[in-house]
Amino acid sequence: MKPVIFLPEAEQEMLEAARYYESQASGLGIDYLSEIERAVVAISESPMTWPILEDELRRRLVRRFPFGILYHIEPKEIIIVAVTHLSRRPGYWRGRI
């Protein structure tokens, strides 16, 4: 397993989405964070599993929620570039790589 590092912007996106879901229904934000955690563990255990989106950047979809985790595999770690909503602002994260 490789360690996983979130870019600050990706962590902020994740937390903002969790706050939004929690405001919609009690416990939903926690459910969202649990699904993100499950996806991140899967990425850490088997980073080559998910398809390349572009330029060595891979995407793992999140179960139950319309989000994808965009990540880049480095020799010693995995960098989470974005936790992005799948139908909002496509490509906004490109400046992060």
PDB file of N, CA and C in Angstrom:
ATOM      1  N   MET A   1       0.828  -1.187   0.000  1.00  0.00           N
ATOM      2  CA  MET A   1       0.000   0.000   0.000  1.00  0.00           C
ATOM      3  C   MET A   1       0.872   1.250   0.000  1.00  0.00           C
ATOM      4  N   LYS A   2       0.542   2.157  -0.877  1.00  0.00           N
ATOM      5  CA  LYS A   2       1.238   3.442  -0.912  1.00  0.00           C
ATOM      6  C   LYS A   2       0.472   4.455  -0.074  1.00  0.00           C
ATOM      7  N   PRO A   3       1.185   5.370   0.581  1.00  0.00           N
ATOM      8  CA  PRO A   3       0.467   6.426   1.297  1.00  0.00           C
ATOM      9  C   PRO A   3      -0.254   7.352   0.317  1.00  0.00           C
ATOM     10  N   VAL A   4      -1.361   7.896   0.780  1.00  0.00           N
ATOM     11  CA  VAL A   4      -2.180   8.785  -0.033  1.00  0.00           C
ATOM     12  C   VAL A   4      -2.121  10.187   0.562  1.00  0.00           C
ATOM     13  N   ILE A   5      -1.823  11.167  -0.284  1.00  0.00           N
ATOM     14  CA  ILE A   5      -1.741  12.569   0.121  1.00  0.00           C
ATOM     15  C   ILE A   5      -2.795  13.356  -0.667  1.00  0.00           C
ATOM     16  N   PHE A   6      -3.596  14.144   0.035  1.00  0.00           N
ATOM     17  CA  PHE A   6      -4.578  15.021  -0.612  1.00  0.00           C
ATOM     18  C   PHE A   6      -3.942  16.381  -0.850  1.00  0.00           C
ATOM     19  N   LEU A   7      -4.088  16.927  -2.052  1.00  0.00           N
ATOM     20  CA  LEU A   7      -3.776  18.340  -2.241  1.00  0.00           C
ATOM     21  C   LEU A   7      -4.750  19.130  -1.372  1.00  0.00           C
ATOM     22  N   PRO A   8      -4.339  20.269  -0.834  1.00  0.00           N
ATOM     23  CA  PRO A   8      -5.245  21.040   0.024  1.00  0.00           C
ATOM     24  C   PRO A   8      -6.581  21.360  -0.648  1.00  0.00           C
ATOM     25  N   GLU A   9      -6.555  21.655  -1.939  1.00  0.00           N
ATOM     26  CA  GLU A   9      -7.799  21.967  -2.661  1.00  0.00           C
ATOM     27  C   GLU A   9      -8.721  20.751  -2.718  1.00  0.00           C
ATOM     28  N   ALA A  10      -8.153  19.577  -2.887  1.00  0.00           N
ATOM     29  CA  ALA A  10      -8.956  18.355  -2.944  1.00  0.00           C
ATOM     30  C   ALA A  10      -9.585  18.064  -1.582  1.00  0.00           C
ATOM     31  N   GLU A  11      -8.815  18.255  -0.533  1.00  0.00           N
ATOM     32  CA  GLU A  11      -9.352  18.045   0.812  1.00  0.00           C
ATOM     33  C   GLU A  11     -10.484  19.033   1.096  1.00  0.00           C
ATOM     34  N   GLN A  12     -10.303  20.274   0.687  1.00  0.00           N
ATOM     35  CA  GLN A  12     -11.335  21.295   0.880  1.00  0.00           C
ATOM     36  C   GLN A  12     -12.613  20.916   0.130  1.00  0.00           C
ATOM     37  N   GLU A  13     -12.479  20.453  -1.116  1.00  0.00           N
ATOM     38  CA  GLU A  13     -13.644  20.030  -1.902  1.00  0.00           C
ATOM     39  C   GLU A  13     -14.405  18.916  -1.189  1.00  0.00           C
ATOM     40  N   MET A  14     -13.647  17.945  -0.692  1.00  0.00           N
ATOM     41  CA  MET A  14     -14.252  16.811  -0.007  1.00  0.00           C
ATOM     42  C   MET A  14     -15.041  17.278   1.219  1.00  0.00           C
ATOM     43  N   LEU A  15     -14.444  18.151   2.015  1.00  0.00           N
ATOM     44  CA  LEU A  15     -15.102  18.626   3.233  1.00  0.00           C
ATOM     45  C   LEU A  15     -16.309  19.507   2.929  1.00  0.00           C
ATOM     46  N   GLU A  16     -16.224  20.334   1.884  1.00  0.00           N
ATOM     47  CA  GLU A  16     -17.370  21.160   1.490  1.00  0.00           C
ATOM     48  C   GLU A  16     -18.551  20.292   1.061  1.00  0.00           C
ATOM     49  N   ALA A  17     -18.269  19.242   0.305  1.00  0.00           N
ATOM     50  CA  ALA A  17     -19.344  18.337  -0.120  1.00  0.00           C
ATOM     51  C   ALA A  17     -19.950  17.627   1.087  1.00  0.00           C
ATOM     52  N   ALA A  18     -19.114  17.232   2.036  1.00  0.00           N
ATOM     53  CA  ALA A  18     -19.629  16.570   3.243  1.00  0.00           C
ATOM     54  C   ALA A  18     -20.541  17.510   4.025  1.00  0.00           C
ATOM     55  N   ARG A  19     -20.140  18.770   4.144  1.00  0.00           N
ATOM     56  CA  ARG A  19     -20.987  19.752   4.843  1.00  0.00           C
ATOM     57  C   ARG A  19     -22.324  19.933   4.109  1.00  0.00           C
ATOM     58  N   TYR A  20     -22.262  19.999   2.791  1.00  0.00           N
ATOM     59  CA  TYR A  20     -23.490  20.146   2.004  1.00  0.00           C
ATOM     60  C   TYR A  20     -24.421  18.951   2.251  1.00  0.00           C
ATOM     61  N   TYR A  21     -23.898  17.733   2.127  1.00  0.00           N
ATOM     62  CA  TYR A  21     -24.739  16.548   2.315  1.00  0.00           C
ATOM     63  C   TYR A  21     -25.293  16.486   3.728  1.00  0.00           C
ATOM     64  N   GLU A  22     -24.505  16.876   4.710  1.00  0.00           N
ATOM     65  CA  GLU A  22     -24.982  16.864   6.093  1.00  0.00           C
ATOM     66  C   GLU A  22     -26.111  17.880   6.281  1.00  0.00           C
ATOM     67  N   SER A  23     -26.039  18.995   5.555  1.00  0.00           N
ATOM     68  CA  SER A  23     -27.108  19.995   5.653  1.00  0.00           C
ATOM     69  C   SER A  23     -28.407  19.500   5.006  1.00  0.00           C
ATOM     70  N   GLN A  24     -28.291  18.541   4.107  1.00  0.00           N
ATOM     71  CA  GLN A  24     -29.470  18.004   3.436  1.00  0.00           C
ATOM     72  C   GLN A  24     -30.182  16.951   4.276  1.00  0.00           C
ATOM     73  N   ALA A  25     -29.398  16.156   4.998  1.00  0.00           N
ATOM     74  CA  ALA A  25     -29.974  15.102   5.845  1.00  0.00           C
ATOM     75  C   ALA A  25     -28.945  14.691   6.887  1.00  0.00           C
ATOM     76  N   SER A  26     -29.380  14.581   8.103  1.00  0.00           N
ATOM     77  CA  SER A  26     -28.482  14.210   9.190  1.00  0.00           C
ATOM     78  C   SER A  26     -27.849  12.837   8.918  1.00  0.00           C
ATOM     79  N   GLY A  27     -26.536  12.789   8.988  1.00  0.00           N
ATOM     80  CA  GLY A  27     -25.806  11.544   8.759  1.00  0.00           C
ATOM     81  C   GLY A  27     -25.357  11.343   7.327  1.00  0.00           C
ATOM     82  N   LEU A  28     -25.924  12.091   6.398  1.00  0.00           N
ATOM     83  CA  LEU A  28     -25.556  11.905   4.993  1.00  0.00           C
ATOM     84  C   LEU A  28     -24.127  12.360   4.724  1.00  0.00           C
ATOM     85  N   GLY A  29     -23.677  13.404   5.401  1.00  0.00           N
ATOM     86  CA  GLY A  29     -22.291  13.850   5.250  1.00  0.00           C
ATOM     87  C   GLY A  29     -21.312  12.791   5.718  1.00  0.00           C
ATOM     88  N   ILE A  30     -21.647  12.109   6.806  1.00  0.00           N
ATOM     89  CA  ILE A  30     -20.802  11.014   7.311  1.00  0.00           C
ATOM     90  C   ILE A  30     -20.796   9.864   6.311  1.00  0.00           C
ATOM     91  N   ASP A  31     -21.952   9.564   5.743  1.00  0.00           N
ATOM     92  CA  ASP A  31     -22.024   8.505   4.715  1.00  0.00           C
ATOM     93  C   ASP A  31     -21.120   8.846   3.535  1.00  0.00           C
ATOM     94  N   TYR A  32     -21.172  10.098   3.126  1.00  0.00           N
ATOM     95  CA  TYR A  32     -20.322  10.556   2.016  1.00  0.00           C
ATOM     96  C   TYR A  32     -18.843  10.365   2.353  1.00  0.00           C
ATOM     97  N   LEU A  33     -18.440  10.816   3.525  1.00  0.00           N
ATOM     98  CA  LEU A  33     -17.031  10.675   3.922  1.00  0.00           C
ATOM     99  C   LEU A  33     -16.625   9.210   4.031  1.00  0.00           C
ATOM    100  N   SER A  34     -17.535   8.354   4.467  1.00  0.00           N
ATOM    101  CA  SER A  34     -17.238   6.913   4.534  1.00  0.00           C
ATOM    102  C   SER A  34     -16.991   6.333   3.152  1.00  0.00           C
ATOM    103  N   GLU A  35     -17.793   6.763   2.175  1.00  0.00           N
ATOM    104  CA  GLU A  35     -17.596   6.283   0.803  1.00  0.00           C
ATOM    105  C   GLU A  35     -16.290   6.815   0.214  1.00  0.00           C
ATOM    106  N   ILE A  36     -15.958   8.066   0.529  1.00  0.00           N
ATOM    107  CA  ILE A  36     -14.677   8.611   0.076  1.00  0.00           C
ATOM    108  C   ILE A  36     -13.532   7.799   0.682  1.00  0.00           C
ATOM    109  N   GLU A  37     -13.622   7.533   1.975  1.00  0.00           N
ATOM    110  CA  GLU A  37     -12.570   6.762   2.642  1.00  0.00           C
ATOM    111  C   GLU A  37     -12.428   5.371   2.028  1.00  0.00           C
ATOM    112  N   ARG A  38     -13.548   4.719   1.761  1.00  0.00           N
ATOM    113  CA  ARG A  38     -13.513   3.391   1.143  1.00  0.00           C
ATOM    114  C   ARG A  38     -12.815   3.455  -0.222  1.00  0.00           C
ATOM    115  N   ALA A  39     -13.122   4.484  -1.000  1.00  0.00           N
ATOM    116  CA  ALA A  39     -12.505   4.638  -2.324  1.00  0.00           C
ATOM    117  C   ALA A  39     -11.003   4.913  -2.200  1.00  0.00           C
ATOM    118  N   VAL A  40     -10.615   5.744  -1.239  1.00  0.00           N
ATOM    119  CA  VAL A  40      -9.200   6.073  -1.053  1.00  0.00           C
ATOM    120  C   VAL A  40      -8.412   4.838  -0.622  1.00  0.00           C
ATOM    121  N   VAL A  41      -8.983   4.024   0.252  1.00  0.00           N
ATOM    122  CA  VAL A  41      -8.312   2.780   0.660  1.00  0.00           C
ATOM    123  C   VAL A  41      -8.131   1.871  -0.549  1.00  0.00           C
ATOM    124  N   ALA A  42      -9.150   1.754  -1.377  1.00  0.00           N
ATOM    125  CA  ALA A  42      -9.049   0.919  -2.586  1.00  0.00           C
ATOM    126  C   ALA A  42      -7.971   1.451  -3.526  1.00  0.00           C
ATOM    127  N   ILE A  43      -7.889   2.758  -3.666  1.00  0.00           N
ATOM    128  CA  ILE A  43      -6.851   3.370  -4.504  1.00  0.00           C
ATOM    129  C   ILE A  43      -5.478   3.040  -3.936  1.00  0.00           C
ATOM    130  N   SER A  44      -5.321   3.172  -2.635  1.00  0.00           N
ATOM    131  CA  SER A  44      -4.041   2.904  -1.983  1.00  0.00           C
ATOM    132  C   SER A  44      -3.608   1.452  -2.164  1.00  0.00           C
ATOM    133  N   GLU A  45      -4.550   0.540  -2.079  1.00  0.00           N
ATOM    134  CA  GLU A  45      -4.239  -0.888  -2.181  1.00  0.00           C
ATOM    135  C   GLU A  45      -3.952  -1.329  -3.606  1.00  0.00           C
ATOM    136  N   SER A  46      -4.604  -0.691  -4.565  1.00  0.00           N
ATOM    137  CA  SER A  46      -4.468  -1.123  -5.957  1.00  0.00           C
ATOM    138  C   SER A  46      -4.604   0.074  -6.906  1.00  0.00           C
ATOM    139  N   PRO A  47      -3.618   0.958  -6.919  1.00  0.00           N
ATOM    140  CA  PRO A  47      -3.755   2.223  -7.659  1.00  0.00           C
ATOM    141  C   PRO A  47      -3.865   2.086  -9.176  1.00  0.00           C
ATOM    142  N   MET A  48      -3.392   1.011  -9.749  1.00  0.00           N
ATOM    143  CA  MET A  48      -3.424   0.860 -11.213  1.00  0.00           C
ATOM    144  C   MET A  48      -4.771   0.352 -11.727  1.00  0.00           C
ATOM    145  N   THR A  49      -5.690   0.043 -10.840  1.00  0.00           N
ATOM    146  CA  THR A  49      -6.975  -0.552 -11.213  1.00  0.00           C
ATOM    147  C   THR A  49      -7.856   0.377 -12.033  1.00  0.00           C
ATOM    148  N   TRP A  50      -7.894   1.642 -11.692  1.00  0.00           N
ATOM    149  CA  TRP A  50      -8.847   2.555 -12.316  1.00  0.00           C
ATOM    150  C   TRP A  50      -8.271   3.223 -13.549  1.00  0.00           C
ATOM    151  N   PRO A  51      -9.137   3.578 -14.473  1.00  0.00           N
ATOM    152  CA  PRO A  51      -8.669   4.049 -15.785  1.00  0.00           C
ATOM    153  C   PRO A  51      -8.001   5.422 -15.744  1.00  0.00           C
ATOM    154  N   ILE A  52      -7.121   5.610 -16.707  1.00  0.00           N
ATOM    155  CA  ILE A  52      -6.477   6.905 -16.894  1.00  0.00           C
ATOM    156  C   ILE A  52      -7.490   7.836 -17.551  1.00  0.00           C
ATOM    157  N   LEU A  53      -7.662   8.995 -16.954  1.00  0.00           N
ATOM    158  CA  LEU A  53      -8.565  10.007 -17.500  1.00  0.00           C
ATOM    159  C   LEU A  53      -7.827  10.829 -18.551  1.00  0.00           C
ATOM    160  N   GLU A  54      -6.634  11.296 -18.191  1.00  0.00           N
ATOM    161  CA  GLU A  54      -5.750  11.998 -19.119  1.00  0.00           C
ATOM    162  C   GLU A  54      -4.398  12.184 -18.451  1.00  0.00           C
ATOM    163  N   ASP A  55      -3.346  12.190 -19.233  1.00  0.00           N
ATOM    164  CA  ASP A  55      -1.991  12.467 -18.742  1.00  0.00           C
ATOM    165  C   ASP A  55      -1.627  11.756 -17.444  1.00  0.00           C
ATOM    166  N   GLU A  56      -1.788  10.470 -17.361  1.00  0.00           N
ATOM    167  CA  GLU A  56      -1.422   9.701 -16.168  1.00  0.00           C
ATOM    168  C   GLU A  56      -2.289  10.001 -14.949  1.00  0.00           C
ATOM    169  N   LEU A  57      -3.332  10.766 -15.128  1.00  0.00           N
ATOM    170  CA  LEU A  57      -4.261  11.057 -14.038  1.00  0.00           C
ATOM    171  C   LEU A  57      -5.393  10.036 -14.120  1.00  0.00           C
ATOM    172  N   ARG A  58      -5.628   9.356 -13.005  1.00  0.00           N
ATOM    173  CA  ARG A  58      -6.649   8.307 -12.968  1.00  0.00           C
ATOM    174  C   ARG A  58      -7.872   8.783 -12.192  1.00  0.00           C
ATOM    175  N   ARG A  59      -9.006   8.095 -12.434  1.00  0.00           N
ATOM    176  CA  ARG A  59     -10.237   8.462 -11.743  1.00  0.00           C
ATOM    177  C   ARG A  59     -10.895   7.224 -11.150  1.00  0.00           C
ATOM    178  N   ARG A  60     -11.204   7.338  -9.876  1.00  0.00           N
ATOM    179  CA  ARG A  60     -11.962   6.306  -9.165  1.00  0.00           C
ATOM    180  C   ARG A  60     -13.314   6.910  -8.822  1.00  0.00           C
ATOM    181  N   LEU A  61     -14.391   6.293  -9.277  1.00  0.00           N
ATOM    182  CA  LEU A  61     -15.726   6.777  -8.968  1.00  0.00           C
ATOM    183  C   LEU A  61     -16.087   6.409  -7.532  1.00  0.00           C
ATOM    184  N   VAL A  62     -16.935   7.238  -6.937  1.00  0.00           N
ATOM    185  CA  VAL A  62     -17.370   7.036  -5.559  1.00  0.00           C
ATOM    186  C   VAL A  62     -18.762   6.411  -5.576  1.00  0.00           C
ATOM    187  N   ARG A  63     -18.922   5.338  -4.826  1.00  0.00           N
ATOM    188  CA  ARG A  63     -20.217   4.659  -4.748  1.00  0.00           C
ATOM    189  C   ARG A  63     -21.247   5.549  -4.047  1.00  0.00           C
ATOM    190  N   ARG A  64     -22.488   5.544  -4.539  1.00  0.00           N
ATOM    191  CA  ARG A  64     -23.646   6.253  -3.964  1.00  0.00           C
ATOM    192  C   ARG A  64     -23.686   7.749  -4.213  1.00  0.00           C
ATOM    193  N   PHE A  65     -22.567   8.364  -4.563  1.00  0.00           N
ATOM    194  CA  PHE A  65     -22.519   9.816  -4.719  1.00  0.00           C
ATOM    195  C   PHE A  65     -21.913  10.149  -6.084  1.00  0.00           C
ATOM    196  N   PRO A  66     -22.343  11.258  -6.698  1.00  0.00           N
ATOM    197  CA  PRO A  66     -21.861  11.589  -8.052  1.00  0.00           C
ATOM    198  C   PRO A  66     -20.497  12.290  -8.036  1.00  0.00           C
ATOM    199  N   PHE A  67     -19.510  11.616  -7.458  1.00  0.00           N
ATOM    200  CA  PHE A  67     -18.169  12.179  -7.335  1.00  0.00           C
ATOM    201  C   PHE A  67     -17.137  11.198  -7.859  1.00  0.00           C
ATOM    202  N   GLY A  68     -16.026  11.768  -8.297  1.00  0.00           N
ATOM    203  CA  GLY A  68     -14.877  10.981  -8.694  1.00  0.00           C
ATOM    204  C   GLY A  68     -13.644  11.500  -7.972  1.00  0.00           C
ATOM    205  N   ILE A  69     -12.746  10.591  -7.677  1.00  0.00           N
ATOM    206  CA  ILE A  69     -11.478  10.965  -7.061  1.00  0.00           C
ATOM    207  C   ILE A  69     -10.417  10.895  -8.145  1.00  0.00           C
ATOM    208  N   LEU A  70      -9.790  12.030  -8.426  1.00  0.00           N
ATOM    209  CA  LEU A  70      -8.740  12.103  -9.438  1.00  0.00           C
ATOM    210  C   LEU A  70      -7.405  12.027  -8.727  1.00  0.00           C
ATOM    211  N   TYR A  71      -6.550  11.132  -9.195  1.00  0.00           N
ATOM    212  CA  TYR A  71      -5.278  10.929  -8.507  1.00  0.00           C
ATOM    213  C   TYR A  71      -4.146  10.634  -9.482  1.00  0.00           C
ATOM    214  N   HIS A  72      -2.956  10.886  -8.989  1.00  0.00           N
ATOM    215  CA  HIS A  72      -1.738  10.663  -9.758  1.00  0.00           C
ATOM    216  C   HIS A  72      -0.838   9.752  -8.928  1.00  0.00           C
ATOM    217  N   ILE A  73      -0.263   8.758  -9.569  1.00  0.00           N
ATOM    218  CA  ILE A  73       0.613   7.809  -8.878  1.00  0.00           C
ATOM    219  C   ILE A  73       2.055   8.289  -8.990  1.00  0.00           C
ATOM    220  N   GLU A  74       2.660   8.540  -7.857  1.00  0.00           N
ATOM    221  CA  GLU A  74       4.074   8.907  -7.765  1.00  0.00           C
ATOM    222  C   GLU A  74       4.847   7.672  -7.319  1.00  0.00           C
ATOM    223  N   PRO A  75       6.175   7.690  -7.431  1.00  0.00           N
ATOM    224  CA  PRO A  75       6.940   6.509  -7.025  1.00  0.00           C
ATOM    225  C   PRO A  75       6.703   6.078  -5.572  1.00  0.00           C
ATOM    226  N   LYS A  76       6.555   7.028  -4.661  1.00  0.00           N
ATOM    227  CA  LYS A  76       6.432   6.660  -3.249  1.00  0.00           C
ATOM    228  C   LYS A  76       5.074   6.977  -2.625  1.00  0.00           C
ATOM    229  N   GLU A  77       4.202   7.650  -3.376  1.00  0.00           N
ATOM    230  CA  GLU A  77       2.904   8.036  -2.818  1.00  0.00           C
ATOM    231  C   GLU A  77       1.889   8.248  -3.928  1.00  0.00           C
ATOM    232  N   ILE A  78       0.657   8.399  -3.502  1.00  0.00           N
ATOM    233  CA  ILE A  78      -0.435   8.699  -4.419  1.00  0.00           C
ATOM    234  C   ILE A  78      -0.954  10.080  -4.053  1.00  0.00           C
ATOM    235  N   ILE A  79      -1.089  10.940  -5.040  1.00  0.00           N
ATOM    236  CA  ILE A  79      -1.551  12.308  -4.821  1.00  0.00           C
ATOM    237  C   ILE A  79      -2.994  12.427  -5.288  1.00  0.00           C
ATOM    238  N   ILE A  80      -3.898  12.787  -4.368  1.00  0.00           N
ATOM    239  CA  ILE A  80      -5.286  13.066  -4.730  1.00  0.00           C
ATOM    240  C   ILE A  80      -5.330  14.516  -5.218  1.00  0.00           C
ATOM    241  N   VAL A  81      -5.642  14.683  -6.483  1.00  0.00           N
ATOM    242  CA  VAL A  81      -5.645  15.995  -7.127  1.00  0.00           C
ATOM    243  C   VAL A  81      -6.994  16.696  -6.946  1.00  0.00           C
ATOM    244  N   ALA A  82      -8.082  15.926  -6.994  1.00  0.00           N
ATOM    245  CA  ALA A  82      -9.416  16.522  -6.869  1.00  0.00           C
ATOM    246  C   ALA A  82     -10.411  15.473  -6.397  1.00  0.00           C
ATOM    247  N   VAL A  83     -11.414  15.946  -5.676  1.00  0.00           N
ATOM    248  CA  VAL A  83     -12.595  15.155  -5.353  1.00  0.00           C
ATOM    249  C   VAL A  83     -13.719  15.933  -6.023  1.00  0.00           C
ATOM    250  N   THR A  84     -14.037  15.509  -7.234  1.00  0.00           N
ATOM    251  CA  THR A  84     -14.850  16.334  -8.117  1.00  0.00           C
ATOM    252  C   THR A  84     -16.253  15.784  -8.351  1.00  0.00           C
ATOM    253  N   HIS A  85     -17.215  16.695  -8.378  1.00  0.00           N
ATOM    254  CA  HIS A  85     -18.579  16.336  -8.757  1.00  0.00           C
ATOM    255  C   HIS A  85     -18.547  16.018 -10.249  1.00  0.00           C
ATOM    256  N   LEU A  86     -19.202  14.950 -10.641  1.00  0.00           N
ATOM    257  CA  LEU A  86     -19.082  14.465 -12.019  1.00  0.00           C
ATOM    258  C   LEU A  86     -19.803  15.303 -13.055  1.00  0.00           C
ATOM    259  N   SER A  87     -20.708  16.193 -12.631  1.00  0.00           N
ATOM    260  CA  SER A  87     -21.416  16.974 -13.654  1.00  0.00           C
ATOM    261  C   SER A  87     -21.283  18.485 -13.454  1.00  0.00           C
ATOM    262  N   ARG A  88     -20.248  18.890 -12.739  1.00  0.00           N
ATOM    263  CA  ARG A  88     -20.019  20.328 -12.533  1.00  0.00           C
ATOM    264  C   ARG A  88     -18.609  20.700 -12.962  1.00  0.00           C
ATOM    265  N   ARG A  89     -18.472  21.807 -13.624  1.00  0.00           N
ATOM    266  CA  ARG A  89     -17.180  22.401 -13.985  1.00  0.00           C
ATOM    267  C   ARG A  89     -16.129  21.390 -14.470  1.00  0.00           C
ATOM    268  N   PRO A  90     -16.358  20.737 -15.554  1.00  0.00           N
ATOM    269  CA  PRO A  90     -15.368  19.763 -16.028  1.00  0.00           C
ATOM    270  C   PRO A  90     -14.012  20.415 -16.278  1.00  0.00           C
ATOM    271  N   GLY A  91     -12.971  19.739 -15.838  1.00  0.00           N
ATOM    272  CA  GLY A  91     -11.609  20.173 -16.116  1.00  0.00           C
ATOM    273  C   GLY A  91     -11.059  21.292 -15.252  1.00  0.00           C
ATOM    274  N   TYR A  92     -11.830  21.777 -14.270  1.00  0.00           N
ATOM    275  CA  TYR A  92     -11.341  22.888 -13.445  1.00  0.00           C
ATOM    276  C   TYR A  92     -10.048  22.567 -12.697  1.00  0.00           C
ATOM    277  N   TRP A  93      -9.805  21.300 -12.457  1.00  0.00           N
ATOM    278  CA  TRP A  93      -8.656  20.830 -11.677  1.00  0.00           C
ATOM    279  C   TRP A  93      -7.369  20.765 -12.506  1.00  0.00           C
ATOM    280  N   ARG A  94      -7.417  20.980 -13.788  1.00  0.00           N
ATOM    281  CA  ARG A  94      -6.225  20.811 -14.649  1.00  0.00           C
ATOM    282  C   ARG A  94      -5.033  21.660 -14.191  1.00  0.00           C
ATOM    283  N   GLY A  95      -5.260  22.817 -13.639  1.00  0.00           N
ATOM    284  CA  GLY A  95      -4.171  23.674 -13.176  1.00  0.00           C
ATOM    285  C   GLY A  95      -3.455  23.133 -11.949  1.00  0.00           C
ATOM    286  N   ARG A  96      -3.978  22.105 -11.347  1.00  0.00           N
ATOM    287  CA  ARG A  96      -3.375  21.527 -10.136  1.00  0.00           C
ATOM    288  C   ARG A  96      -2.269  20.537 -10.420  1.00  0.00           C
ATOM    289  N   ILE A  97      -2.192  20.061 -11.656  1.00  0.00           N
ATOM    290  CA  ILE A  97      -1.192  19.028 -11.958  1.00  0.00           C
ATOM    291  C   ILE A  97       0.073  19.605 -12.532  1.00  0.00           C
TER     292      ILE A  97
END
